[in-house]
């Protein structure tokens, strides 16, 4: 089997950092490209740092070209952009959609996207609407396998402090047992499990678009693929 290349966008984030660790210990992907905007010292031996300027799309396309799977786990916060919705959109919409476009243009067969539970382009909520718009745009592209992951609150240790998220993690974890049936998808989940689920999916011979929420992500993180939403 020829050596496979995985490209990770958002490699310094919570899910992205776990993706690097999971891919480092995987025997299918022999090279990991970490797409970053500024130099980062990665510990994983298989990682190749790809410095890009997201305002110059061609540099991103060059980083993606030749990939067998592109993992997109990029995202910002209102705090980071100081409430500027245009700046928020530039990160959470432009980067993943452009990455997917380049994935299609360079013939990469797998695009794996971290979205959010409740993503809906018709939502009145800015965040959920934006995530839904990203999903809609990506699904219009000619990519062999599109996998969309919709986790709820992510569990795990971040380098940055997010007080509101810490509170949400504690509250949701405490009441998780009440989230059953159609509410199951709102259960918090470990970021590492999302990363493992993404890598598992990238190695499957799928075609079309599949969307994974809590239960499917949980199962994927430890074994063969369950049935996705569609």
Protein backbone atom coordinates (compact mmCIF):
# COMPACT_ATOMS: atom_id res chain seq x y z
CA UNK A 1 0.00 0.00 0.00
CA UNK A 2 1.47 3.39 -0.99
CA UNK A 3 2.28 5.83 1.78
CA UNK A 4 -0.65 8.09 2.58
CA UNK A 5 -0.58 11.77 3.42
CA UNK A 6 -2.92 13.41 5.93
CA UNK A 7 -3.25 17.18 6.05
CA UNK A 8 -4.56 18.82 9.21
CA UNK A 9 -5.94 22.35 9.27
CA UNK A 10 -6.44 23.60 12.80
CA UNK A 11 -3.64 21.42 14.17
CA UNK A 12 -3.01 23.58 17.24
CA UNK A 13 -6.60 23.43 18.47
CA UNK A 14 -8.20 20.93 20.82
CA UNK A 15 -9.31 18.39 18.22
CA UNK A 16 -6.43 19.19 15.87
CA UNK A 17 -3.78 18.42 18.48
CA UNK A 18 -5.42 15.07 19.15
CA UNK A 19 -5.55 14.42 15.40
CA UNK A 20 -1.77 14.78 15.23
CA UNK A 21 -1.33 12.27 18.06
CA UNK A 22 -3.75 9.75 16.60
CA UNK A 23 -2.22 10.04 13.12
CA UNK A 24 1.30 9.76 14.58
CA UNK A 25 0.42 6.31 15.92
CA UNK A 26 -1.49 5.22 12.82
CA UNK A 27 0.17 2.85 10.34
CA UNK A 28 -1.80 3.95 7.28
CA UNK A 29 -0.88 7.63 7.17
CA UNK A 30 2.90 7.97 7.01
CA UNK A 31 3.08 11.72 6.60
CA UNK A 32 1.16 14.40 8.48
CA UNK A 33 1.06 17.91 7.11
CA UNK A 34 0.20 20.49 9.74
CA UNK A 35 -1.07 23.65 8.06
CA UNK A 36 -0.28 26.67 10.22
CA UNK A 37 -0.03 30.44 9.85
CA UNK A 38 3.02 30.80 12.11
CA UNK A 39 5.88 28.47 13.11
CA UNK A 40 5.02 25.78 15.65
CA UNK A 41 7.37 23.24 17.19
CA UNK A 42 5.56 19.92 16.84
CA UNK A 43 6.66 16.89 18.85
CA UNK A 44 5.34 14.24 16.47
CA UNK A 45 8.05 12.82 14.17
CA UNK A 46 5.70 12.33 11.20
CA UNK A 47 4.59 15.96 11.13
CA UNK A 48 5.69 18.29 8.35
CA UNK A 49 4.89 21.92 9.12
CA UNK A 50 3.30 23.80 6.21
CA UNK A 51 3.42 27.56 6.72
CA UNK A 52 0.63 29.31 4.82
CA UNK A 53 -1.04 32.68 4.53
CA UNK A 54 -4.78 32.08 4.59
CA UNK A 55 -5.23 35.42 2.83
CA UNK A 56 -3.27 33.95 -0.09
CA UNK A 57 -5.29 30.85 -1.00
CA UNK A 58 -2.66 29.49 -3.40
CA UNK A 59 -0.34 28.73 -0.48
CA UNK A 60 -3.09 26.67 1.15
CA UNK A 61 -3.74 24.83 -2.10
CA UNK A 62 -0.06 23.92 -2.39
CA UNK A 63 -0.11 22.56 1.17
CA UNK A 64 -3.13 20.39 0.37
CA UNK A 65 -2.00 19.14 -3.05
CA UNK A 66 -1.13 15.44 -2.95
CA UNK A 67 -3.09 14.70 0.22
CA UNK A 68 -5.10 11.53 0.68
CA UNK A 69 -7.21 13.08 3.43
CA UNK A 70 -7.75 16.64 4.62
CA UNK A 71 -8.90 17.09 8.21
CA UNK A 72 -10.37 20.51 8.96
CA UNK A 73 -10.79 21.34 12.64
CA UNK A 74 -10.29 25.08 12.47
CA UNK A 75 -12.34 27.55 14.47
CA UNK A 76 -12.17 30.79 16.39
CA UNK A 77 -14.12 32.43 19.23
CA UNK A 78 -15.97 35.69 19.71
CA UNK A 79 -13.31 36.67 22.24
CA UNK A 80 -10.47 36.19 19.77
CA UNK A 81 -12.14 38.31 17.09
CA UNK A 82 -13.47 40.82 19.65
CA UNK A 83 -17.05 40.31 18.52
CA UNK A 84 -16.27 41.08 14.86
CA UNK A 85 -18.62 38.80 12.91
CA UNK A 86 -16.84 39.44 9.62
CA UNK A 87 -13.55 38.33 11.17
CA UNK A 88 -15.29 35.32 12.70
CA UNK A 89 -16.68 34.34 9.31
CA UNK A 90 -13.26 34.71 7.71
CA UNK A 91 -11.95 31.95 9.95
CA UNK A 92 -14.93 29.66 10.44
CA UNK A 93 -16.29 29.87 6.89
CA UNK A 94 -13.58 30.98 4.47
CA UNK A 95 -10.82 28.67 5.69
CA UNK A 96 -12.80 25.39 5.70
CA UNK A 97 -14.68 26.14 2.48
CA UNK A 98 -11.50 27.13 0.64
CA UNK A 99 -9.79 24.00 1.97
CA UNK A 100 -12.64 21.88 0.63
CA UNK A 101 -12.47 23.63 -2.75
CA UNK A 102 -8.73 22.90 -2.96
CA UNK A 103 -9.41 19.33 -1.87
CA UNK A 104 -11.74 18.97 -4.86
CA UNK A 105 -9.41 20.75 -7.27
CA UNK A 106 -6.36 18.66 -6.35
CA UNK A 107 -8.24 15.36 -6.37
CA UNK A 108 -8.00 14.57 -2.67
CA UNK A 109 -10.62 11.83 -2.05
CA UNK A 110 -11.37 12.58 1.61
CA UNK A 111 -12.47 15.79 3.32
CA UNK A 112 -13.30 15.57 7.01
CA UNK A 113 -14.90 18.57 8.69
CA UNK A 114 -15.55 19.42 12.32
CA UNK A 115 -18.87 21.24 12.46
CA UNK A 116 -21.29 21.51 15.39
CA UNK A 117 -24.41 19.87 16.70
CA UNK A 118 -27.36 21.97 15.58
CA UNK A 119 -25.60 23.32 12.48
CA UNK A 120 -28.27 24.72 10.17
CA UNK A 121 -27.95 27.40 7.52
CA UNK A 122 -31.52 28.51 8.30
CA UNK A 123 -30.85 29.02 12.02
CA UNK A 124 -31.31 32.41 13.67
CA UNK A 125 -28.21 31.71 15.77
CA UNK A 126 -25.10 33.24 14.16
CA UNK A 127 -22.78 30.37 15.08
CA UNK A 128 -25.12 27.54 14.06
CA UNK A 129 -26.11 29.35 10.87
CA UNK A 130 -22.46 29.81 9.93
CA UNK A 131 -21.65 26.17 10.57
CA UNK A 132 -24.66 25.17 8.47
CA UNK A 133 -23.54 27.42 5.63
CA UNK A 134 -20.12 25.77 5.69
CA UNK A 135 -21.70 22.33 5.52
CA UNK A 136 -23.92 23.38 2.61
CA UNK A 137 -21.00 24.84 0.66
CA UNK A 138 -18.79 21.80 1.20
CA UNK A 139 -21.48 19.34 0.16
CA UNK A 140 -21.82 21.04 -3.23
CA UNK A 141 -18.25 20.13 -4.16
CA UNK A 142 -17.05 17.11 -6.11
CA UNK A 143 -15.18 15.24 -3.41
CA UNK A 144 -15.39 11.46 -3.24
CA UNK A 145 -15.91 11.23 0.50
CA UNK A 146 -17.15 14.08 2.71
CA UNK A 147 -17.42 13.34 6.42
CA UNK A 148 -19.00 15.93 8.70
CA UNK A 149 -18.68 15.61 12.47
CA UNK A 150 -21.15 17.42 14.71
CA UNK A 151 -19.97 17.22 18.31
CA UNK A 152 -21.64 19.13 21.13
CA UNK A 153 -19.48 20.51 23.95
CA UNK A 154 -15.94 19.20 23.70
CA UNK A 155 -14.17 17.74 26.71
CA UNK A 156 -10.42 18.08 27.07
CA UNK A 157 -7.66 20.39 28.16
CA UNK A 158 -7.03 23.47 26.04
CA UNK A 159 -3.92 25.65 26.09
CA UNK A 160 -6.15 28.73 26.18
CA UNK A 161 -8.61 29.55 28.94
CA UNK A 162 -12.32 29.54 28.10
CA UNK A 163 -14.23 30.19 31.31
CA UNK A 164 -17.66 29.90 29.72
CA UNK A 165 -16.78 26.61 28.10
CA UNK A 166 -15.50 25.22 31.41
CA UNK A 167 -18.85 25.97 33.00
CA UNK A 168 -20.67 24.41 30.06
CA UNK A 169 -18.53 21.28 30.29
CA UNK A 170 -19.30 20.88 33.98
CA UNK A 171 -23.04 21.47 33.62
CA UNK A 172 -23.49 19.27 30.54
CA UNK A 173 -21.39 16.46 31.99
CA UNK A 174 -23.48 16.49 35.17
CA UNK A 175 -26.78 16.30 33.29
CA UNK A 176 -25.58 14.07 30.43
CA UNK A 177 -27.52 11.08 31.77
CA UNK A 178 -30.75 12.99 31.09
CA UNK A 179 -29.91 13.42 27.42
CA UNK A 180 -31.54 10.39 25.82
CA UNK A 181 -33.35 9.71 22.57
CA UNK A 182 -33.33 12.69 20.24
CA UNK A 183 -31.42 14.68 22.90
CA UNK A 184 -28.53 12.22 22.86
CA UNK A 185 -26.64 14.26 20.27
CA UNK A 186 -26.18 17.09 22.80
CA UNK A 187 -24.04 15.00 25.15
CA UNK A 188 -20.50 16.35 25.67
CA UNK A 189 -17.75 14.24 24.15
CA UNK A 190 -13.98 14.02 24.52
CA UNK A 191 -12.09 15.80 21.75
CA UNK A 192 -9.78 12.80 21.49
CA UNK A 193 -12.75 10.59 20.57
CA UNK A 194 -13.72 12.99 17.79
CA UNK A 195 -10.16 12.83 16.46
CA UNK A 196 -10.11 9.03 16.59
CA UNK A 197 -13.46 8.87 14.82
CA UNK A 198 -12.19 11.15 12.07
CA UNK A 199 -9.09 9.04 11.44
CA UNK A 200 -11.15 5.84 11.41
CA UNK A 201 -13.49 7.34 8.83
CA UNK A 202 -10.62 8.58 6.66
CA UNK A 203 -9.39 5.01 6.25
CA UNK A 204 -12.73 3.64 5.09
CA UNK A 205 -13.68 3.25 1.43
CA UNK A 206 -16.72 5.51 1.57
CA UNK A 207 -18.27 7.73 -1.06
CA UNK A 208 -20.77 10.55 -0.76
CA UNK A 209 -21.52 12.64 2.31
CA UNK A 210 -21.92 11.29 5.82
CA UNK A 211 -22.80 13.24 8.94
CA UNK A 212 -21.84 11.93 12.37
CA UNK A 213 -23.25 13.04 15.72
CA UNK A 214 -22.61 11.93 19.30
CA UNK A 215 -23.43 8.22 19.22
CA UNK A 216 -21.86 7.57 15.83
CA UNK A 217 -18.74 9.51 16.82
CA UNK A 218 -18.47 7.57 20.07
CA UNK A 219 -18.68 4.24 18.27
CA UNK A 220 -16.32 5.30 15.50
CA UNK A 221 -13.72 6.30 18.06
CA UNK A 222 -13.25 2.69 19.11
CA UNK A 223 -14.04 0.58 16.08
CA UNK A 224 -15.59 0.12 12.63
CA UNK A 225 -17.97 2.67 11.23
CA UNK A 226 -21.60 2.71 12.39
CA UNK A 227 -24.37 4.10 10.26
CA UNK A 228 -24.18 7.85 9.79
CA UNK A 229 -27.20 10.16 9.52
CA UNK A 230 -26.98 10.22 5.73
